[in-house]
């Protein structure tokens, strides 16, 4: 079995503007997703908003530049992830299609294995 990271990208403003009922429904949908896919689940977490991010880059001299904010400015931001196990990409995609991403979408990436 291979591992895949399902990255959840959504519009943070939509979450900030969501009513408690909307947020509760989204939370319930994630709980249902995790329960329905328990055999494939290896982990998952939500992330704090991009306003809490710190980015670190290096220049050609090897010096570090530390700045407040996300690595990239985009409309949809990485808001969380699930680590899943699946026999192949097609099966990982079937699991990822079930991830609640009301204000955006998901990306599936195979986890690299070093031997």
Protein backbone atom coordinates (compact mmCIF):
# COMPACT_ATOMS: atom_id res chain seq x y z
CA UNK A 1 0.00 0.00 0.00
CA UNK A 2 1.15 3.51 -0.76
CA UNK A 3 0.56 6.68 1.23
CA UNK A 4 -1.01 9.80 -0.26
CA UNK A 5 -1.38 13.28 1.17
CA UNK A 6 -4.72 14.90 0.43
CA UNK A 7 -4.18 18.67 0.65
CA UNK A 8 -7.28 20.77 1.27
CA UNK A 9 -7.23 24.22 -0.37
CA UNK A 10 -10.09 26.57 0.39
CA UNK A 11 -11.05 30.22 0.50
CA UNK A 12 -10.20 31.43 4.02
CA UNK A 13 -12.55 34.41 3.74
CA UNK A 14 -15.49 32.07 3.21
CA UNK A 15 -14.61 30.33 6.47
CA UNK A 16 -14.20 33.65 8.29
CA UNK A 17 -17.63 34.75 7.05
CA UNK A 18 -19.34 31.38 7.71
CA UNK A 19 -22.10 31.20 10.28
CA UNK A 20 -21.69 28.89 13.27
CA UNK A 21 -24.26 26.59 11.68
CA UNK A 22 -22.27 26.43 8.43
CA UNK A 23 -19.03 25.77 10.31
CA UNK A 24 -20.77 23.10 12.39
CA UNK A 25 -22.02 21.40 9.22
CA UNK A 26 -18.52 21.42 7.73
CA UNK A 27 -17.06 19.98 10.94
CA UNK A 28 -19.70 17.25 10.93
CA UNK A 29 -18.90 16.47 7.29
CA UNK A 30 -15.20 16.02 8.16
CA UNK A 31 -16.10 13.74 11.06
CA UNK A 32 -18.30 11.66 8.75
CA UNK A 33 -15.51 11.52 6.15
CA UNK A 34 -13.02 10.26 8.74
CA UNK A 35 -15.46 7.64 10.02
CA UNK A 36 -16.35 6.44 6.52
CA UNK A 37 -12.69 6.14 5.51
CA UNK A 38 -11.20 4.93 8.79
CA UNK A 39 -9.38 2.01 7.16
CA UNK A 40 -7.49 4.37 4.83
CA UNK A 41 -6.84 7.14 7.36
CA UNK A 42 -3.31 7.57 8.71
CA UNK A 43 -3.76 11.09 10.05
CA UNK A 44 -5.04 14.56 9.35
CA UNK A 45 -5.20 18.01 10.82
CA UNK A 46 -6.61 21.45 10.17
CA UNK A 47 -4.20 24.37 9.93
CA UNK A 48 -4.43 27.82 11.46
CA UNK A 49 -5.19 30.64 8.94
CA UNK A 50 -2.41 31.92 6.67
CA UNK A 51 -2.15 35.05 8.81
CA UNK A 52 -0.34 32.89 11.37
CA UNK A 53 2.18 31.53 8.83
CA UNK A 54 5.88 32.28 8.82
CA UNK A 55 7.84 31.73 5.60
CA UNK A 56 11.55 30.99 5.44
CA UNK A 57 13.58 31.36 2.26
CA UNK A 58 17.29 31.38 1.51
CA UNK A 59 19.17 33.64 -0.85
CA UNK A 60 22.16 32.74 -3.06
CA UNK A 61 24.54 33.44 -0.15
CA UNK A 62 22.73 30.87 2.01
CA UNK A 63 21.26 33.53 4.29
CA UNK A 64 17.79 33.02 5.69
CA UNK A 65 14.97 35.49 5.16
CA UNK A 66 12.15 34.97 7.66
CA UNK A 67 8.89 36.81 6.93
CA UNK A 68 5.39 36.79 8.33
CA UNK A 69 2.76 35.33 6.05
CA UNK A 70 2.28 32.38 3.73
CA UNK A 71 4.85 31.14 1.22
CA UNK A 72 2.56 32.08 -1.67
CA UNK A 73 -0.29 34.57 -1.84
CA UNK A 74 -3.30 32.85 -3.39
CA UNK A 75 -7.06 33.07 -3.21
CA UNK A 76 -7.29 29.53 -1.88
CA UNK A 77 -4.93 28.55 0.92
CA UNK A 78 -3.80 25.24 2.35
CA UNK A 79 -6.16 24.76 5.25
CA UNK A 80 -5.57 21.16 6.25
CA UNK A 81 -4.68 17.69 5.13
CA UNK A 82 -5.39 13.99 5.43
CA UNK A 83 -2.73 11.33 5.17
CA UNK A 84 -4.30 8.23 3.66
CA UNK A 85 -3.17 4.79 2.55
CA UNK A 86 -4.44 3.30 -0.71
CA UNK A 87 -3.33 0.57 -3.10
CA UNK A 88 -2.98 3.02 -6.00
CA UNK A 89 -3.66 6.58 -7.17
CA UNK A 90 -7.11 5.71 -8.52
CA UNK A 91 -8.24 4.49 -5.11
CA UNK A 92 -6.64 7.52 -3.41
CA UNK A 93 -8.62 9.77 -5.75
CA UNK A 94 -11.84 7.97 -4.83
CA UNK A 95 -11.15 8.68 -1.15
CA UNK A 96 -10.13 12.28 -1.87
CA UNK A 97 -13.37 12.94 -3.76
CA UNK A 98 -15.18 12.47 -0.44
CA UNK A 99 -13.18 15.14 1.44
CA UNK A 100 -15.43 18.04 2.37
CA UNK A 101 -13.99 21.12 0.64
CA UNK A 102 -17.02 23.37 0.48
CA UNK A 103 -15.04 26.51 -0.30
CA UNK A 104 -12.39 25.06 -2.62
CA UNK A 105 -10.89 21.73 -3.61
CA UNK A 106 -8.28 19.12 -2.82
CA UNK A 107 -4.98 17.94 -4.26
CA UNK A 108 -3.69 14.35 -4.01
CA UNK A 109 0.07 13.76 -3.86
CA UNK A 110 1.90 10.48 -3.38
CA UNK A 111 4.23 10.39 -0.41
CA UNK A 112 7.81 9.79 -1.53
CA UNK A 113 9.42 6.63 -0.19
CA UNK A 114 13.17 6.62 0.40
CA UNK A 115 14.82 3.23 0.58
